[in-house]
Amino acid sequence: MQHHYGGIVMGILLSGFALSGAIAGIILGYLNDIGISLKRLVLIGLMFKIIGNLLYFIGINIYIVVVSRLIAAGAWWSAPAVV
């Protein structure tokens, strides 16, 4: 059984990626400003990236794919905030 998802789902994936990345950048930038160590922030970002990519790899249904991209995007966009 093959599923075909239209442009709406692709739009949700792309916009959700950017939105969760922007939110994560703000949060991690604030944490960096108040004194949380850079090493811990990088490790948190890597943890979210690994979890998001594993969920994306499993990809049981489209909801898991959307959630996994939101988690992975937060880790990917956190790099400019801590630098």
Protein backbone atom coordinates (compact mmCIF):
# COMPACT_ATOMS: atom_id res chain seq x y z
CA MET A 1 0.00 0.00 0.00
CA GLN A 2 1.53 3.26 -1.13
CA HIS A 3 0.69 6.65 0.35
CA HIS A 4 0.89 9.85 -1.61
CA TYR A 5 0.99 13.09 0.34
CA GLY A 6 0.31 16.34 -1.41
CA GLY A 7 1.75 19.78 -1.25
CA ILE A 8 0.07 20.65 2.03
CA VAL A 9 2.08 18.06 3.94
CA MET A 10 5.29 19.14 2.25
CA GLY A 11 4.50 22.74 3.17
CA ILE A 12 3.92 21.73 6.79
CA LEU A 13 7.25 19.90 6.84
CA LEU A 14 9.18 22.84 5.41
CA SER A 15 7.50 25.56 7.45
CA GLY A 16 7.62 23.48 10.62
CA PHE A 17 11.33 22.93 10.09
CA ALA A 18 11.97 26.67 9.90
CA LEU A 19 9.60 27.55 12.75
CA SER A 20 10.97 25.00 15.22
CA GLY A 21 14.50 26.01 14.28
CA ALA A 22 13.77 29.66 14.99
CA ILE A 23 12.23 28.84 18.35
CA ALA A 24 15.14 26.58 19.30
CA GLY A 25 17.62 29.25 18.26
CA ILE A 26 15.99 31.79 20.56
CA ILE A 27 15.82 29.38 23.50
CA LEU A 28 19.38 28.12 23.16
CA GLY A 29 20.70 31.63 22.58
CA TYR A 30 19.06 32.72 25.83
CA LEU A 31 20.49 29.72 27.68
CA ASN A 32 23.92 30.56 26.32
CA ASP A 33 23.56 34.18 27.47
CA ILE A 34 22.63 33.25 31.03
CA GLY A 35 25.68 31.06 31.40
CA ILE A 36 24.88 27.47 30.46
CA SER A 37 28.10 25.92 29.18
CA LEU A 38 28.59 25.63 25.45
CA LYS A 39 29.51 21.97 25.77
CA ARG A 40 26.15 21.13 27.34
CA LEU A 41 24.22 23.08 24.71
CA VAL A 42 26.04 21.30 21.90
CA LEU A 43 25.40 17.92 23.52
CA ILE A 44 21.70 18.75 23.89
CA GLY A 45 21.56 19.76 20.25
CA LEU A 46 23.26 16.56 19.16
CA MET A 47 20.88 14.50 21.26
CA PHE A 48 17.86 16.11 19.60
CA LYS A 49 19.41 15.64 16.17
CA ILE A 50 19.99 11.93 16.78
CA ILE A 51 16.48 11.39 18.15
CA GLY A 52 14.88 13.31 15.28
CA ASN A 53 16.83 11.43 12.63
CA LEU A 54 16.05 8.05 14.19
CA LEU A 55 12.34 8.87 14.22
CA TYR A 56 12.59 10.04 10.61
CA PHE A 57 14.29 6.79 9.67
CA ILE A 58 11.54 4.74 11.32
CA GLY A 59 8.81 6.85 9.69
CA ILE A 60 5.83 4.68 10.61
CA ASN A 61 3.34 7.29 9.43
CA ILE A 62 3.31 10.91 8.30
CA TYR A 63 2.80 12.24 11.83
CA ILE A 64 6.03 10.62 13.01
CA VAL A 65 7.83 12.16 10.03
CA VAL A 66 6.51 15.65 10.84
CA VAL A 67 7.43 15.36 14.54
CA SER A 68 10.87 14.01 13.72
CA ARG A 69 11.60 16.90 11.38
CA LEU A 70 10.50 19.37 14.07
CA ILE A 71 12.85 17.77 16.60
CA ALA A 72 15.79 17.58 14.18
CA ALA A 73 15.28 21.16 12.99
CA GLY A 74 15.55 22.48 16.50
CA ALA A 75 18.95 20.88 16.80
CA TRP A 76 20.10 22.02 13.37
CA TRP A 77 19.16 25.65 13.86
CA SER A 78 20.62 25.80 17.35
CA ALA A 79 24.18 26.07 16.05
CA PRO A 80 24.07 29.84 15.24
CA ALA A 81 22.63 30.60 18.68
CA VAL A 82 25.48 29.02 20.59
CA VAL A 83 28.20 30.41 18.34
